[in-house]
Amino acid sequence: MAMKTIGFAVSEKDLAALDELAEYFADGNRSAYLRQTIKIMKSVKHAEELRKIQAYGAQRSAESGITVDDITTICRRVLKGRE
């Protein structure tokens, strides 16, 4: 994996927390800790996006009068049409 060194600033008050977390999660390696954190935060971002999509779908379903049982029926009908 190609690596590129970048610089970023951390406030003095956050430096101790960064070092503590890097020690705990990455044997003191800040770069390894940051790589792990990126993966986790991407998962958090995807979960938030999915929650928004789910809320939108629930709102649209409610506005259309579609129930959860209706969704199951609609999905089965659509999937059956693909066979």
Protein backbone atom coordinates (compact mmCIF):
# COMPACT_ATOMS: atom_id res chain seq x y z
CA MET A 1 0.00 0.00 0.00
CA ALA A 2 1.45 3.36 -1.01
CA MET A 3 1.69 5.84 1.84
CA LYS A 4 1.88 9.60 1.76
CA THR A 5 3.00 11.64 4.72
CA ILE A 6 0.73 14.56 5.53
CA GLY A 7 0.78 17.10 8.32
CA PHE A 8 -2.10 18.10 10.50
CA ALA A 9 -2.46 20.18 13.62
CA VAL A 10 -3.66 18.96 17.00
CA SER A 11 -4.31 21.32 19.87
CA GLU A 12 -2.21 20.94 22.99
CA LYS A 13 -5.27 19.91 24.98
CA ASP A 14 -6.06 17.10 22.48
CA LEU A 15 -2.50 15.80 22.19
CA ALA A 16 -2.67 13.76 25.41
CA ALA A 17 -5.93 12.16 24.30
CA LEU A 18 -4.48 11.39 20.88
CA ASP A 19 -1.43 9.77 22.43
CA GLU A 20 -3.59 7.78 24.85
CA LEU A 21 -5.83 6.50 22.07
CA ALA A 22 -2.91 5.77 19.75
CA GLU A 23 -1.23 3.81 22.52
CA TYR A 24 -4.37 1.83 23.31
CA PHE A 25 -5.51 1.08 19.76
CA ALA A 26 -2.27 1.13 17.75
CA ASP A 27 0.65 0.48 20.10
CA GLY A 28 1.45 4.21 20.13
CA ASN A 29 1.53 4.56 16.36
CA ARG A 30 -0.45 7.70 15.53
CA SER A 31 -0.53 6.93 11.81
CA ALA A 32 -1.93 3.45 12.39
CA TYR A 33 -4.47 4.92 14.80
CA LEU A 34 -5.57 7.48 12.19
CA ARG A 35 -5.98 4.75 9.56
CA GLN A 36 -8.16 2.76 11.97
CA THR A 37 -10.18 5.86 12.84
CA ILE A 38 -10.82 6.63 9.17
CA LYS A 39 -12.36 3.18 8.66
CA ILE A 40 -14.57 3.60 11.72
CA MET A 41 -15.71 7.10 10.81
CA LYS A 42 -16.56 5.97 7.27
CA SER A 43 -18.80 3.32 8.84
CA VAL A 44 -20.43 5.98 11.02
CA LYS A 45 -20.97 8.18 7.95
CA HIS A 46 -22.59 5.32 6.02
CA ALA A 47 -24.84 4.47 8.97
CA GLU A 48 -25.99 8.10 9.22
CA GLU A 49 -26.67 8.21 5.48
CA LEU A 50 -28.70 5.00 5.69
CA ARG A 51 -30.70 6.38 8.64
CA LYS A 52 -31.56 9.45 6.57
CA ILE A 53 -32.61 7.29 3.62
CA GLN A 54 -34.70 5.10 5.91
CA ALA A 55 -36.41 8.14 7.45
CA TYR A 56 -37.13 9.51 3.97
CA GLY A 57 -38.60 6.17 2.90
CA ALA A 58 -40.72 5.95 6.04
CA GLN A 59 -42.03 9.47 5.49
CA ARG A 60 -42.85 8.80 1.84
CA SER A 61 -44.52 5.50 2.72
CA ALA A 62 -46.64 7.17 5.39
CA GLU A 63 -47.64 9.94 2.98
CA SER A 64 -48.66 7.31 0.43
CA GLY A 65 -50.47 5.16 2.97
CA ILE A 66 -48.14 2.20 2.40
CA THR A 67 -47.61 -0.15 5.36
CA VAL A 68 -44.74 -2.53 6.09
CA ASP A 69 -46.96 -5.42 4.97
CA ASP A 70 -47.61 -3.58 1.70
CA ILE A 71 -43.88 -3.22 1.13
CA THR A 72 -43.38 -6.97 1.51
CA THR A 73 -46.17 -7.63 -0.97
CA ILE A 74 -44.82 -5.09 -3.45
CA CYS A 75 -41.28 -6.52 -3.22
CA ARG A 76 -42.52 -10.06 -3.79
CA ARG A 77 -44.55 -8.92 -6.79
CA VAL A 78 -41.59 -7.08 -8.32
CA LEU A 79 -39.16 -9.94 -7.68
CA LYS A 80 -41.61 -12.48 -9.07
CA GLY A 81 -41.82 -10.44 -12.27
CA ARG A 82 -38.05 -10.85 -12.76
CA GLU A 83 -38.20 -14.64 -12.89
